[in-house]
Amino acid sequence: MTAPVKIAITGLGFTHSMLPGYLACPDTTLTLLHDIDEARAKKISEECGGVPWTTDFAQLLKCDADIVEIGTPNHLHAEQAAACMQAGKHVLIEKPLASSVPECRAIAEAAKATGRRVGVNMTLLNMPFHHSLRAMHAKGLFGQIGNLRIRLAHRGPLKRTDGNHWRFKKSNIGGGSFMQLGIHPMNCALWIAADAIERVSCFAKNLYCQHSLEGEDTLVASAELKSGALMALESAYNSVGSCMAIYGTEGHAVVENGAMWLEAKEAYKDEWLEYPGPDRKPGETVFYAPDSKLVAREKSKGSAQFPHTQHLAFARAVRDGAPFEMDAEAGLRDVACIQAMYRAAEERRIVDVKELLA
């Protein structure tokens, strides 16, 4: 029997939500929790049945973990990831890979120098029906893709009375709403469509969150993809609503606020999704409500049983020497696309992503 992969975690804010999956998965074991907040580290340790904890990063580097999951502020990722890899550990980094292209490159170079693996935890890939949509596209069930559209927004900074949180400081995150929010559906839609952004135009403003936010609270961008398809991208911190849509010559998929509309030229069924379903014909648009059993949304929460839950999939990939798609190069590409948007907005011109990667 293969020994469980040993996991250490630094930064127990958002990554706190990953702990149940690690604890429930027979392939992983938690070996150390690290946070600069002693009270938080102690409390979460108790919730996890007494997993050892520390506030000393040096102790994290000395522990016997195979993988360190990094959930600290974006601007710390490069330095911490390099230190962990130099200490012989693989790293899984909460998106984005880092706050700038040079920092992303530094992580990729450290991985090559040390022979360690890097993964980026893109949580929309935890959702089973996104994998179903990718399989449908790979089978040609949407025809040729012409347009993609994404949006993610919430009012967190709008409701804050100050800008003290690290997530709202441009120097910490490398941007504003798109770096923190829009990166999720952008990455997922491009992954489903097996495509890549080549050129972008963009407008970005801070309209209503100057009191709490250094970056943009509203961004709208247009992109030309490698395939020739076009993509519309939005993010906001001053409104709500989410959307990811893929439109093809013979079908489309629209996921909006938890519901889905789906049309395809042929029937499709897997463990997670069925189209067109009973009493339907291929070519019809089928609506899946947020609580639809056909979408199996109860398995979208980072379940230890779902094989593609990202933090657990990375652990298995390290154990088995298997590929992991969201690696350092994928993370670098995402950040380069976003920085191209910011440059396009600042300079009022179309920007080729290659400019950021040169």
Protein backbone atom coordinates (compact mmCIF):
# COMPACT_ATOMS: atom_id res chain seq x y z
CA MET A 1 0.00 0.00 0.00
CA THR A 2 1.36 3.43 -1.00
CA ALA A 3 2.02 5.77 1.92
CA PRO A 4 -0.14 8.92 2.04
CA VAL A 5 1.35 12.11 0.63
CA LYS A 6 2.38 14.39 3.50
CA ILE A 7 0.93 17.92 3.28
CA ALA A 8 1.91 21.13 5.07
CA ILE A 9 -0.03 24.36 4.64
CA THR A 10 1.07 27.96 5.06
CA GLY A 11 -1.57 30.67 5.23
CA LEU A 12 -4.74 29.37 6.88
CA GLY A 13 -7.22 31.89 5.52
CA PHE A 14 -8.82 30.58 2.31
CA THR A 15 -6.82 27.34 2.46
CA HIS A 16 -8.75 26.48 5.63
CA SER A 17 -11.49 25.30 3.25
CA MET A 18 -9.14 22.67 1.78
CA LEU A 19 -8.56 20.92 5.08
CA PRO A 20 -11.67 18.67 5.09
CA GLY A 21 -10.65 17.22 1.73
CA TYR A 22 -7.14 16.45 2.92
CA LEU A 23 -8.45 14.91 6.13
CA ALA A 24 -11.02 12.74 4.32
CA CYS A 25 -8.71 11.58 1.52
CA PRO A 26 -6.81 8.31 2.16
CA ASP A 27 -4.07 9.52 -0.23
CA THR A 28 -3.03 12.49 1.95
CA THR A 29 -2.14 13.29 5.53
CA LEU A 30 -1.69 16.71 7.13
CA THR A 31 1.69 17.02 8.80
CA LEU A 32 1.97 20.73 9.72
CA LEU A 33 -0.10 23.94 9.71
CA HIS A 34 1.62 27.35 9.51
CA ASP A 35 0.22 30.83 9.98
CA ILE A 36 1.58 34.08 11.41
CA ASP A 37 -1.60 34.37 13.49
CA GLU A 38 -0.98 32.11 16.49
CA ALA A 39 -4.62 32.07 17.62
CA ARG A 40 -5.81 31.08 14.16
CA ALA A 41 -3.19 28.34 13.78
CA LYS A 42 -4.04 26.87 17.18
CA LYS A 43 -7.80 26.98 16.58
CA ILE A 44 -7.58 25.32 13.17
CA SER A 45 -5.20 22.70 14.53
CA GLU A 46 -7.77 21.80 17.17
CA GLU A 47 -10.50 21.62 14.51
CA CYS A 48 -8.32 19.18 12.57
CA GLY A 49 -7.79 16.83 15.49
CA GLY A 50 -4.52 18.23 16.76
CA VAL A 51 -2.42 18.53 13.60
CA PRO A 52 0.91 20.17 14.61
CA TRP A 53 1.09 23.91 14.00
CA THR A 54 3.68 26.67 14.05
CA THR A 55 4.10 30.39 13.43
CA ASP A 56 7.73 29.89 12.38
CA PHE A 57 8.25 29.56 8.61
CA ALA A 58 11.66 28.01 9.23
CA GLN A 59 9.94 25.10 10.98
CA LEU A 60 7.76 24.63 7.90
CA LEU A 61 10.89 24.31 5.76
CA LYS A 62 12.34 21.72 8.14
CA CYS A 63 9.23 19.51 8.37
CA ASP A 64 8.96 16.23 6.46
CA ALA A 65 6.09 17.30 4.18
CA ASP A 66 6.14 16.21 0.54
CA ILE A 67 4.02 19.19 -0.52
CA VAL A 68 3.52 22.68 0.90
CA GLU A 69 0.27 24.37 -0.06
CA ILE A 70 0.83 28.13 -0.15
CA GLY A 71 -2.21 30.28 0.66
CA THR A 72 -0.45 33.48 1.67
CA PRO A 73 -0.79 36.93 0.02
CA ASN A 74 0.15 36.96 -3.67
CA HIS A 75 3.32 39.01 -3.28
CA LEU A 76 4.80 36.40 -0.92
CA HIS A 77 4.32 33.44 -3.26
CA ALA A 78 7.59 33.66 -5.20
CA GLU A 79 9.92 33.90 -2.20
CA GLN A 80 8.07 31.28 -0.18
CA ALA A 81 7.71 28.85 -3.09
CA ALA A 82 11.42 29.07 -3.90
CA ALA A 83 12.33 28.46 -0.26
CA CYS A 84 10.05 25.43 -0.05
CA MET A 85 11.41 23.93 -3.27
CA GLN A 86 14.99 24.52 -2.16
CA ALA A 87 14.05 22.61 1.00
CA GLY A 88 13.01 19.67 -1.18
CA LYS A 89 9.25 20.19 -1.18
CA HIS A 90 6.76 20.42 -4.03
CA VAL A 91 4.40 23.40 -3.89
CA LEU A 92 0.74 23.97 -4.64
CA ILE A 93 -0.02 27.69 -4.81
CA GLU A 94 -3.42 29.32 -4.45
CA LYS A 95 -4.10 31.44 -7.53
CA PRO A 96 -2.55 33.50 -8.89
CA LEU A 97 0.84 31.88 -9.21
CA ALA A 98 2.34 35.24 -8.18
CA SER A 99 1.58 38.96 -8.45
CA SER A 100 3.73 39.63 -11.54
CA VAL A 101 5.26 37.93 -14.57
CA PRO A 102 8.85 38.22 -13.21
CA GLU A 103 7.77 36.57 -9.94
CA CYS A 104 6.02 33.80 -11.87
CA ARG A 105 9.17 33.24 -13.88
CA ALA A 106 11.21 33.05 -10.69
CA ILE A 107 8.93 30.25 -9.43
CA ALA A 108 9.20 28.35 -12.72
CA GLU A 109 13.00 28.71 -12.69
CA ALA A 110 13.21 27.50 -9.09
CA ALA A 111 11.19 24.43 -10.04
CA LYS A 112 13.57 23.62 -12.88
CA ALA A 113 16.61 24.19 -10.68
CA THR A 114 15.36 21.97 -7.85
CA GLY A 115 13.43 19.35 -9.79
CA ARG A 116 10.33 20.03 -7.70
CA ARG A 117 6.74 20.28 -8.98
CA VAL A 118 4.58 23.42 -8.96
CA GLY A 119 0.80 23.46 -9.17
CA VAL A 120 -1.71 26.31 -9.15
CA ASN A 121 -4.98 25.62 -7.34
CA MET A 122 -7.73 26.80 -9.69
CA THR A 123 -10.87 25.96 -7.74
CA LEU A 124 -13.39 26.11 -10.62
CA LEU A 125 -11.77 22.91 -11.86
CA ASN A 126 -13.10 21.26 -8.69
CA MET A 127 -16.56 21.33 -10.25
CA PRO A 128 -17.39 18.08 -12.06
CA PHE A 129 -19.63 19.54 -14.76
CA HIS A 130 -16.79 21.78 -15.98
CA HIS A 131 -14.93 18.57 -16.81
CA SER A 132 -18.07 17.35 -18.58
CA LEU A 133 -18.20 20.52 -20.67
CA ARG A 134 -14.57 20.10 -21.62
CA ALA A 135 -15.24 16.52 -22.71
CA MET A 136 -18.25 17.68 -24.75
CA HIS A 137 -16.13 20.30 -26.50
CA ALA A 138 -13.38 17.76 -27.18
CA LYS A 139 -16.00 15.57 -28.88
CA GLY A 140 -17.04 18.49 -31.07
CA LEU A 141 -20.55 18.68 -29.60
CA PHE A 142 -20.57 22.49 -29.67
CA GLY A 143 -19.16 22.72 -33.20
CA GLN A 144 -16.57 25.42 -33.88
CA ILE A 145 -16.24 27.91 -31.03
CA GLY A 146 -16.78 31.53 -32.02
CA ASN A 147 -17.25 33.38 -28.73
CA LEU A 148 -16.50 32.99 -25.03
CA ARG A 149 -17.75 35.24 -22.24
CA ILE A 150 -16.83 35.33 -18.55
CA ARG A 151 -17.69 37.46 -15.51
CA LEU A 152 -17.13 37.22 -11.77
CA ALA A 153 -18.09 39.94 -9.27
CA HIS A 154 -18.95 40.61 -5.65
CA ARG A 155 -19.26 43.70 -3.45
CA GLY A 156 -16.68 42.89 -0.78
CA PRO A 157 -14.53 46.06 -1.09
CA LEU A 158 -17.59 48.21 -1.72
CA LYS A 159 -18.95 47.32 1.71
CA ARG A 160 -15.67 47.74 3.59
CA THR A 161 -14.98 50.91 5.51
CA ASP A 162 -11.21 50.75 5.08
CA GLY A 163 -8.53 49.26 2.84
CA ASN A 164 -6.51 47.41 5.46
CA HIS A 165 -7.11 43.91 4.09
CA TRP A 166 -4.19 42.59 2.04
CA ARG A 167 -6.50 41.47 -0.78
CA PHE A 168 -7.36 45.08 -1.59
CA LYS A 169 -3.81 46.45 -1.83
CA LYS A 170 -2.41 46.57 -5.36
CA SER A 171 1.14 46.06 -4.11
CA ASN A 172 0.08 42.78 -2.49
CA ILE A 173 -1.99 41.25 -5.25
CA GLY A 174 -0.66 42.76 -8.48
CA GLY A 175 -3.94 44.33 -9.56
CA GLY A 176 -7.56 44.56 -8.52
CA SER A 177 -10.79 42.74 -9.24
CA PHE A 178 -9.57 40.77 -12.24
CA MET A 179 -6.42 39.46 -10.58
CA GLN A 180 -8.49 38.22 -7.66
CA LEU A 181 -11.79 37.29 -9.31
CA GLY A 182 -11.72 37.28 -13.11
CA ILE A 183 -8.75 34.93 -13.24
CA HIS A 184 -11.01 32.06 -12.15
CA PRO A 185 -13.55 31.96 -15.01
CA MET A 186 -10.93 33.13 -17.54
CA ASN A 187 -8.75 30.14 -16.73
CA CYS A 188 -11.68 27.72 -16.67
CA ALA A 189 -13.29 28.87 -19.93
CA LEU A 190 -9.99 28.74 -21.82
CA TRP A 191 -9.29 25.31 -20.33
CA ILE A 192 -12.71 24.00 -21.42
CA ALA A 193 -12.24 25.43 -24.92
CA ALA A 194 -8.57 24.29 -25.14
CA ASP A 195 -7.63 27.79 -26.30
CA ALA A 196 -5.37 30.68 -25.32
CA ILE A 197 -5.51 34.48 -25.33
CA GLU A 198 -3.19 36.16 -27.83
CA ARG A 199 -4.21 39.86 -27.86
CA VAL A 200 -6.32 42.05 -25.59
CA SER A 201 -7.93 45.46 -25.34
CA CYS A 202 -9.22 46.67 -22.00
CA PHE A 203 -10.83 49.36 -19.85
CA ALA A 204 -10.27 49.26 -16.09
CA LYS A 205 -11.41 51.77 -13.47
CA ASN A 206 -11.96 52.18 -9.76
CA LEU A 207 -15.41 53.76 -9.80
CA TYR A 208 -16.88 53.20 -6.35
CA CYS A 209 -14.27 51.53 -4.11
CA GLN A 210 -11.60 54.23 -3.73
CA HIS A 211 -12.12 54.10 0.03
CA SER A 212 -11.00 50.49 0.29
CA LEU A 213 -9.31 49.33 -2.92
CA GLU A 214 -6.10 50.32 -4.69
CA GLY A 215 -6.71 48.42 -7.93
CA GLU A 216 -9.66 48.44 -10.31
CA ASP A 217 -13.18 47.72 -9.10
CA THR A 218 -14.45 47.31 -12.69
CA LEU A 219 -12.75 45.77 -15.69
CA VAL A 220 -14.03 44.98 -19.17
CA ALA A 221 -11.69 43.41 -21.72
CA SER A 222 -11.91 41.89 -25.20
CA ALA A 223 -9.52 39.22 -26.40
CA GLU A 224 -8.59 37.43 -29.59
CA LEU A 225 -7.77 33.77 -29.03
CA LYS A 226 -5.27 31.49 -30.72
CA SER A 227 -8.12 29.74 -32.55
CA GLY A 228 -9.43 33.06 -33.89
CA ALA A 229 -12.41 33.05 -31.54
CA LEU A 230 -13.22 36.19 -29.55
CA MET A 231 -13.68 36.49 -25.80
CA ALA A 232 -15.36 39.06 -23.54
CA LEU A 233 -14.06 39.29 -19.96
CA GLU A 234 -15.49 41.18 -16.97
CA SER A 235 -14.82 41.49 -13.26
CA ALA A 236 -16.12 43.83 -10.58
CA TYR A 237 -15.98 44.61 -6.88
CA ASN A 238 -18.96 47.00 -7.03
CA SER A 239 -21.71 44.61 -8.21
CA VAL A 240 -22.59 40.93 -8.18
CA GLY A 241 -23.08 38.18 -10.72
CA SER A 242 -21.11 35.39 -12.34
CA CYS A 243 -21.16 33.97 -15.84
CA MET A 244 -19.14 31.66 -18.05
CA ALA A 245 -20.39 31.06 -21.58
CA ILE A 246 -19.09 29.20 -24.64
CA TYR A 247 -20.87 29.65 -27.97
CA GLY A 248 -20.26 27.36 -30.95
CA THR A 249 -21.67 26.77 -34.41
CA GLU A 250 -23.66 23.73 -33.20
CA GLY A 251 -24.18 24.29 -29.50
CA HIS A 252 -23.51 26.41 -26.45
CA ALA A 253 -23.06 26.25 -22.68
CA VAL A 254 -23.91 29.10 -20.33
CA VAL A 255 -23.20 28.75 -16.60
CA GLU A 256 -24.65 31.71 -14.71
CA ASN A 257 -25.08 32.15 -10.96
CA GLY A 258 -25.15 28.41 -10.38
CA ALA A 259 -27.57 27.50 -13.17
CA MET A 260 -26.72 26.17 -16.64
CA TRP A 261 -28.18 26.30 -20.14
CA LEU A 262 -26.84 23.66 -22.50
CA GLU A 263 -27.25 22.90 -26.21
CA ALA A 264 -25.27 20.32 -28.20
CA LYS A 265 -25.58 18.57 -31.51
CA GLU A 266 -25.56 15.08 -29.95
CA ALA A 267 -26.54 13.44 -26.69
CA TYR A 268 -23.93 13.21 -23.93
CA LYS A 269 -23.89 11.46 -20.58
CA ASP A 270 -21.29 10.85 -17.92
CA GLU A 271 -21.29 10.39 -14.15
CA TRP A 272 -21.86 14.11 -13.58
CA LEU A 273 -23.98 15.40 -16.44
CA GLU A 274 -26.67 14.19 -18.82
CA TYR A 275 -27.71 15.94 -22.02
CA PRO A 276 -30.33 16.18 -23.41
CA GLY A 277 -32.05 14.18 -20.69
CA PRO A 278 -35.45 12.45 -20.73
CA ASP A 279 -37.99 13.57 -23.36
CA ARG A 280 -35.50 15.84 -25.11
CA LYS A 281 -33.72 15.82 -28.43
CA PRO A 282 -30.15 16.86 -29.23
CA GLY A 283 -30.08 20.44 -30.44
CA GLU A 284 -32.54 21.68 -27.83
CA THR A 285 -31.42 24.05 -25.10
CA VAL A 286 -31.82 22.36 -21.71
CA PHE A 287 -31.95 24.32 -18.46
CA TYR A 288 -30.28 22.89 -15.35
CA ALA A 289 -31.37 24.60 -12.13
CA PRO A 290 -28.79 25.18 -9.37
CA ASP A 291 -30.13 22.19 -7.43
CA SER A 292 -30.43 19.95 -10.50
CA LYS A 293 -29.51 16.33 -9.91
CA LEU A 294 -28.25 16.16 -13.49
CA VAL A 295 -25.45 18.59 -12.64
CA ALA A 296 -24.57 16.74 -9.41
CA ARG A 297 -23.63 20.00 -7.70
CA GLU A 298 -23.40 18.32 -4.33
CA LYS A 299 -20.09 16.93 -5.57
CA SER A 300 -18.70 20.33 -6.53
CA LYS A 301 -17.37 21.34 -3.11
CA GLY A 302 -13.89 19.89 -3.25
CA SER A 303 -14.97 16.35 -2.41
CA ALA A 304 -12.27 13.84 -1.59
CA GLN A 305 -14.13 11.38 -3.83
CA PHE A 306 -14.05 13.52 -6.99
CA PRO A 307 -10.81 12.61 -8.81
CA HIS A 308 -10.26 16.11 -10.19
CA THR A 309 -10.49 18.06 -6.92
CA GLN A 310 -7.40 20.15 -7.56
CA HIS A 311 -5.45 20.06 -4.30
CA LEU A 312 -5.93 16.31 -4.04
CA ALA A 313 -5.25 15.76 -7.76
CA PHE A 314 -1.93 17.56 -7.34
CA ALA A 315 -0.99 15.33 -4.42
CA ARG A 316 -1.74 12.23 -6.52
CA ALA A 317 0.19 13.66 -9.48
CA VAL A 318 3.25 14.17 -7.26
CA ARG A 319 2.91 10.68 -5.82
CA ASP A 320 2.47 9.00 -9.21
CA GLY A 321 4.77 11.20 -11.29
CA ALA A 322 1.74 12.09 -13.41
CA PRO A 323 1.05 15.34 -15.29
CA PHE A 324 -0.81 18.22 -13.62
CA GLU A 325 -2.24 20.70 -16.08
CA MET A 326 -2.22 23.80 -13.90
CA ASP A 327 1.54 23.94 -13.55
CA ALA A 328 3.95 26.88 -13.35
CA GLU A 329 3.74 27.58 -17.09
CA ALA A 330 -0.06 27.69 -16.94
CA GLY A 331 0.08 30.03 -13.96
CA LEU A 332 2.60 32.27 -15.74
CA ARG A 333 0.36 32.44 -18.80
CA ASP A 334 -2.67 33.51 -16.74
CA VAL A 335 -0.76 36.31 -15.02
CA ALA A 336 0.72 37.45 -18.35
CA CYS A 337 -2.79 37.69 -19.83
CA ILE A 338 -3.99 39.79 -16.90
CA GLN A 339 -0.98 42.09 -16.96
CA ALA A 340 -1.55 42.51 -20.71
CA MET A 341 -5.08 43.68 -19.89
CA TYR A 342 -3.77 46.19 -17.36
CA ARG A 343 -1.20 47.48 -19.87
CA ALA A 344 -3.88 47.77 -22.56
CA ALA A 345 -6.09 49.79 -20.20
CA GLU A 346 -3.24 52.07 -19.13
CA GLU A 347 -1.84 52.67 -22.60
CA ARG A 348 -5.19 52.64 -24.47
CA ARG A 349 -4.04 50.17 -27.11
CA ILE A 350 -4.27 46.52 -28.08
CA VAL A 351 -1.56 44.49 -26.32
CA ASP A 352 -0.13 41.16 -27.45
CA VAL A 353 0.40 38.76 -24.54
CA LYS A 354 3.80 37.97 -26.04
CA GLU A 355 4.92 41.42 -24.94
CA LEU A 356 4.64 40.31 -21.33
CA LEU A 357 6.38 37.02 -22.00
CA ALA A 358 9.29 38.43 -24.04
